[in-house]
C-alpha atoms as a PDB file:
ATOM      1  CA  MET A   1      -3.520   6.277   0.242  1.00  0.00           C
ATOM      2  CA  SER A   2      -6.979   4.817   0.177  1.00  0.00           C
ATOM      3  CA  ILE A   3      -8.675   1.501   0.413  1.00  0.00           C
ATOM      4  CA  GLU A   4      -8.954   1.667  -3.375  1.00  0.00           C
ATOM      5  CA  THR A   5      -5.165   1.751  -3.761  1.00  0.00           C
ATOM      6  CA  VAL A   6      -4.918  -1.276  -1.465  1.00  0.00           C
ATOM      7  CA  ARG A   7      -7.638  -3.027  -3.453  1.00  0.00           C
ATOM      8  CA  ALA A   8      -5.738  -2.310  -6.701  1.00  0.00           C
ATOM      9  CA  PHE A   9      -2.448  -3.489  -5.154  1.00  0.00           C
ATOM     10  CA  LEU A  10      -4.027  -6.781  -4.079  1.00  0.00           C
ATOM     11  CA  ARG A  11      -5.807  -7.303  -7.399  1.00  0.00           C
ATOM     12  CA  GLU A  12      -2.553  -6.692  -9.352  1.00  0.00           C
ATOM     13  CA  ARG A  13      -0.894  -9.424  -7.309  1.00  0.00           C
ATOM     14  CA  GLY A  14      -3.649 -11.966  -7.856  1.00  0.00           C
ATOM     15  CA  PHE A  15      -5.197 -11.871  -4.377  1.00  0.00           C
ATOM     16  CA  SER A  16      -8.540 -13.625  -4.697  1.00  0.00           C
ATOM     17  CA  GLY A  17      -9.994 -12.628  -1.324  1.00  0.00           C
ATOM     18  CA  ASN A  18     -11.971  -9.565  -0.385  1.00  0.00           C
ATOM     19  CA  ILE A  19     -11.251  -6.584   1.790  1.00  0.00           C
ATOM     20  CA  ILE A  20     -13.342  -6.928   4.932  1.00  0.00           C
ATOM     21  CA  GLU A  21     -14.856  -3.611   6.042  1.00  0.00           C
ATOM     22  CA  HIS A  22     -16.404  -3.173   9.472  1.00  0.00           C
ATOM     23  CA  GLU A  23     -18.830  -0.664  10.912  1.00  0.00           C
ATOM     24  CA  GLN A  24     -16.678  -0.330  14.037  1.00  0.00           C
ATOM     25  CA  SER A  25     -12.998   0.554  14.312  1.00  0.00           C
ATOM     26  CA  THR A  26     -10.386  -2.168  13.930  1.00  0.00           C
ATOM     27  CA  ALA A  27      -7.556   0.275  14.664  1.00  0.00           C
ATOM     28  CA  THR A  28      -6.070  -1.742  17.530  1.00  0.00           C
ATOM     29  CA  VAL A  29      -5.298  -5.422  17.868  1.00  0.00           C
ATOM     30  CA  ALA A  30      -7.987  -5.792  20.533  1.00  0.00           C
ATOM     31  CA  LYS A  31     -10.645  -4.003  18.467  1.00  0.00           C
ATOM     32  CA  ALA A  32      -9.786  -5.943  15.312  1.00  0.00           C
ATOM     33  CA  ALA A  33      -9.862  -9.284  17.130  1.00  0.00           C
ATOM     34  CA  GLN A  34     -13.218  -8.429  18.679  1.00  0.00           C
ATOM     35  CA  ALA A  35     -14.717  -7.312  15.352  1.00  0.00           C
ATOM     36  CA  LEU A  36     -13.500 -10.468  13.621  1.00  0.00           C
ATOM     37  CA  ASN A  37     -14.187 -12.765  16.579  1.00  0.00           C
ATOM     38  CA  VAL A  38     -10.653 -14.224  16.391  1.00  0.00           C
ATOM     39  CA  PRO A  39      -7.764 -14.469  18.880  1.00  0.00           C
ATOM     40  CA  GLU A  40      -5.598 -11.338  19.116  1.00  0.00           C
ATOM     41  CA  ALA A  41      -2.593 -13.348  17.917  1.00  0.00           C
ATOM     42  CA  CYS A  42      -4.266 -13.688  14.485  1.00  0.00           C
ATOM     43  CA  ILE A  43      -4.197  -9.948  13.857  1.00  0.00           C
ATOM     44  CA  ALA A  44      -1.161  -9.151  11.687  1.00  0.00           C
ATOM     45  CA  LYS A  45       0.115  -5.958  13.259  1.00  0.00           C
ATOM     46  CA  SER A  46       2.183  -3.642  11.027  1.00  0.00           C
ATOM     47  CA  LEU A  47       4.748  -1.384  12.684  1.00  0.00           C
ATOM     48  CA  ALA A  48       6.653   1.410  10.971  1.00  0.00           C
ATOM     49  CA  VAL A  49      10.066   1.640  12.616  1.00  0.00           C
ATOM     50  CA  ARG A  50      12.679   4.323  12.094  1.00  0.00           C
ATOM     51  CA  LEU A  51      16.278   3.185  11.978  1.00  0.00           C
ATOM     52  CA  GLY A  52      17.568   6.757  11.893  1.00  0.00           C
ATOM     53  CA  LYS A  53      16.519  10.333  11.286  1.00  0.00           C
ATOM     54  CA  SER A  54      16.303  10.075   7.508  1.00  0.00           C
ATOM     55  CA  GLU A  55      13.043   9.065   5.838  1.00  0.00           C
ATOM     56  CA  ASP A  56      15.085   6.472   3.963  1.00  0.00           C
ATOM     57  CA  GLU A  57      15.837   4.701   7.221  1.00  0.00           C
ATOM     58  CA  VAL A  58      12.410   3.191   7.816  1.00  0.00           C
ATOM     59  CA  VAL A  59      11.286  -0.426   7.784  1.00  0.00           C
ATOM     60  CA  LEU A  60       7.885  -2.029   8.169  1.00  0.00           C
ATOM     61  CA  ILE A  61       7.674  -4.972  10.565  1.00  0.00           C
ATOM     62  CA  VAL A  62       4.595  -7.215  10.476  1.00  0.00           C
ATOM     63  CA  THR A  63       4.095  -9.308  13.625  1.00  0.00           C
ATOM     64  CA  CYS A  64       1.410 -11.441  15.186  1.00  0.00           C
ATOM     65  CA  GLY A  65      -0.982  -9.376  17.288  1.00  0.00           C
ATOM     66  CA  THR A  66       0.360 -10.503  20.645  1.00  0.00           C
ATOM     67  CA  ALA A  67       4.074 -10.222  19.806  1.00  0.00           C
ATOM     68  CA  ARG A  68       6.206  -7.336  21.052  1.00  0.00           C
ATOM     69  CA  LEU A  69       9.439  -6.097  19.526  1.00  0.00           C
ATOM     70  CA  ASP A  70      12.468  -7.432  21.371  1.00  0.00           C
ATOM     71  CA  ASN A  71      14.953  -4.553  21.512  1.00  0.00           C
ATOM     72  CA  ALA A  72      18.017  -6.817  21.657  1.00  0.00           C
ATOM     73  CA  LYS A  73      16.880  -8.966  18.707  1.00  0.00           C
ATOM     74  CA  PHE A  74      15.909  -5.872  16.720  1.00  0.00           C
ATOM     75  CA  LYS A  75      19.270  -4.186  17.285  1.00  0.00           C
ATOM     76  CA  ALA A  76      21.123  -7.410  16.467  1.00  0.00           C
ATOM     77  CA  ARG A  77      19.234  -7.690  13.142  1.00  0.00           C
ATOM     78  CA  PHE A  78      19.157  -4.046  12.051  1.00  0.00           C
ATOM     79  CA  GLY A  79      22.182  -2.628  13.863  1.00  0.00           C
ATOM     80  CA  LYS A  80      20.158   0.155  15.409  1.00  0.00           C
ATOM     81  CA  LYS A  81      17.627   0.695  18.155  1.00  0.00           C
ATOM     82  CA  ALA A  82      13.970   0.690  17.094  1.00  0.00           C
ATOM     83  CA  ASN A  83      12.428   4.144  17.074  1.00  0.00           C
ATOM     84  CA  MET A  84       8.665   4.340  16.633  1.00  0.00           C
ATOM     85  CA  PRO A  85       7.388   7.350  14.665  1.00  0.00           C
ATOM     86  CA  ASP A  86       4.318   9.239  15.835  1.00  0.00           C
ATOM     87  CA  ALA A  87       0.969   8.928  14.062  1.00  0.00           C
ATOM     88  CA  ASP A  88       1.581  11.922  11.774  1.00  0.00           C
ATOM     89  CA  ASP A  89       4.935  10.487  10.680  1.00  0.00           C
ATOM     90  CA  VAL A  90       3.405   7.040  10.069  1.00  0.00           C
ATOM     91  CA  LEU A  91       0.910   8.613   7.678  1.00  0.00           C
ATOM     92  CA  ALA A  92       3.586  10.733   5.971  1.00  0.00           C
ATOM     93  CA  LEU A  93       6.024   7.831   5.627  1.00  0.00           C
ATOM     94  CA  THR A  94       3.617   5.109   4.514  1.00  0.00           C
ATOM     95  CA  GLY A  95       0.483   6.773   3.190  1.00  0.00           C
ATOM     96  CA  HIS A  96      -1.621   4.851   5.698  1.00  0.00           C
ATOM     97  CA  PRO A  97      -2.877   6.017   9.096  1.00  0.00           C
ATOM     98  CA  ALA A  98      -1.697   4.461  12.341  1.00  0.00           C
ATOM     99  CA  GLY A  99      -4.349   1.857  13.109  1.00  0.00           C
ATOM    100  CA  GLY A 100      -4.808   1.138   9.409  1.00  0.00           C
ATOM    101  CA  LEU A 101      -1.138   0.666   8.582  1.00  0.00           C
ATOM    102  CA  CYS A 102      -0.610  -2.298   6.309  1.00  0.00           C
ATOM    103  CA  PRO A 103       2.139  -3.673   4.078  1.00  0.00           C
ATOM    104  CA  PHE A 104       0.138  -2.969   0.906  1.00  0.00           C
ATOM    105  CA  ALA A 105       0.206   0.014  -1.480  1.00  0.00           C
ATOM    106  CA  LEU A 106       2.746   2.009   0.496  1.00  0.00           C
ATOM    107  CA  ALA A 107       3.318   5.627  -0.506  1.00  0.00           C
ATOM    108  CA  ARG A 108       6.944   4.820  -1.303  1.00  0.00           C
ATOM    109  CA  PRO A 109       9.157   1.748  -1.259  1.00  0.00           C
ATOM    110  CA  ILE A 110       9.847   0.628   2.308  1.00  0.00           C
ATOM    111  CA  PRO A 111      11.554  -2.658   3.167  1.00  0.00           C
ATOM    112  CA  ILE A 112       8.993  -5.067   4.636  1.00  0.00           C
ATOM    113  CA  TYR A 113       9.836  -7.754   7.173  1.00  0.00           C
ATOM    114  CA  MET A 114       7.580 -10.381   8.717  1.00  0.00           C
ATOM    115  CA  ASP A 115       8.365 -11.698  12.161  1.00  0.00           C
ATOM    116  CA  VAL A 116       8.512 -15.472  12.546  1.00  0.00           C
ATOM    117  CA  SER A 117       5.734 -15.178  15.163  1.00  0.00           C
ATOM    118  CA  LEU A 118       3.320 -15.203  12.206  1.00  0.00           C
ATOM    119  CA  LYS A 119       4.508 -18.601  10.959  1.00  0.00           C
ATOM    120  CA  GLU A 120       2.672 -20.372  13.793  1.00  0.00           C
ATOM    121  CA  LEU A 121      -0.722 -19.194  12.531  1.00  0.00           C
ATOM    122  CA  ALA A 122      -2.947 -20.715   9.851  1.00  0.00           C
ATOM    123  CA  VAL A 123      -4.784 -17.448   9.092  1.00  0.00           C
ATOM    124  CA  VAL A 124      -3.875 -13.813   9.736  1.00  0.00           C
ATOM    125  CA  TYR A 125      -5.714 -10.520   9.346  1.00  0.00           C
ATOM    126  CA  PRO A 126      -3.608  -7.519   8.316  1.00  0.00           C
ATOM    127  CA  ALA A 127      -5.209  -4.091   8.017  1.00  0.00           C
ATOM    128  CA  ALA A 128      -6.112  -2.842   4.560  1.00  0.00           C
ATOM    129  CA  GLY A 129      -5.226   0.844   4.785  1.00  0.00           C
ATOM    130  CA  THR A 130      -8.111   2.210   6.853  1.00  0.00           C
ATOM    131  CA  LEU A 131      -9.167   2.202  10.501  1.00  0.00           C
ATOM    132  CA  ASN A 132     -11.914  -0.342   9.821  1.00  0.00           C
ATOM    133  CA  SER A 133     -10.653  -2.727   7.154  1.00  0.00           C
ATOM    134  CA  CYS A 134      -8.553  -5.861   6.817  1.00  0.00           C
ATOM    135  CA  ILE A 135      -8.060  -8.950   4.702  1.00  0.00           C
ATOM    136  CA  GLU A 136      -8.000 -12.623   5.610  1.00  0.00           C
ATOM    137  CA  THR A 137      -4.942 -14.488   4.355  1.00  0.00           C
ATOM    138  CA  THR A 138      -2.257 -16.962   5.329  1.00  0.00           C
ATOM    139  CA  PRO A 139       1.201 -15.904   6.503  1.00  0.00           C
ATOM    140  CA  GLN A 140       2.681 -17.507   3.397  1.00  0.00           C
ATOM    141  CA  GLU A 141       0.349 -15.618   1.052  1.00  0.00           C
ATOM    142  CA  LEU A 142       1.011 -12.373   2.957  1.00  0.00           C
ATOM    143  CA  GLN A 143       4.742 -12.896   2.485  1.00  0.00           C
ATOM    144  CA  SER A 144       4.224 -13.587  -1.206  1.00  0.00           C
ATOM    145  CA  LEU A 145       1.992 -10.529  -1.711  1.00  0.00           C
ATOM    146  CA  THR A 146       4.470  -8.196  -0.011  1.00  0.00           C
ATOM    147  CA  GLN A 147       7.779  -9.890  -0.887  1.00  0.00           C
ATOM    148  CA  ALA A 148       8.673  -9.475   2.786  1.00  0.00           C
ATOM    149  CA  GLN A 149      11.733 -11.060   4.350  1.00  0.00           C
ATOM    150  CA  TRP A 150      11.306 -13.260   7.427  1.00  0.00           C
ATOM    151  CA  VAL A 151      13.015 -12.036  10.614  1.00  0.00           C
ATOM    152  CA  ASP A 152      13.052 -12.964  14.290  1.00  0.00           C
ATOM    153  CA  VAL A 153      12.743  -9.651  16.149  1.00  0.00           C
ATOM    154  CA  CYS A 154       9.914 -10.224  18.628  1.00  0.00           C
ATOM    155  CA  LYS A 155       9.340 -11.717  22.064  1.00  0.00           C
END
């Protein structure tokens, strides 16, 4: 996928903001927070998680930048242990590279979940499909744009 597909996805859903592109990498929470001059918690981190061996058993979890998956909560919610795919699989499964993974314009339908850790924040910055892009939005608007379900799977 490309930043243009993300831009089209956002435009089709009435997003009025802009994609923020940086000269430097924003591929990690720390780098994104530094580039944006915001707390790490405000970075909306997207995680592709395998629930099994099949490509159909993948979910996308969006968390606040400082949250970590809680294995017990995750297994209680999804019935399986979280299994993180490698960078090549992330790209193949979602169409976006690790470090630019976002819940927009995915290569195929993948269930999207947002952790309740995001609800505490006024503004969040999810990636926009590349290693140096993001958008500024609210957790509520992010949920509306992606039609994500709220879950409690993080520490």
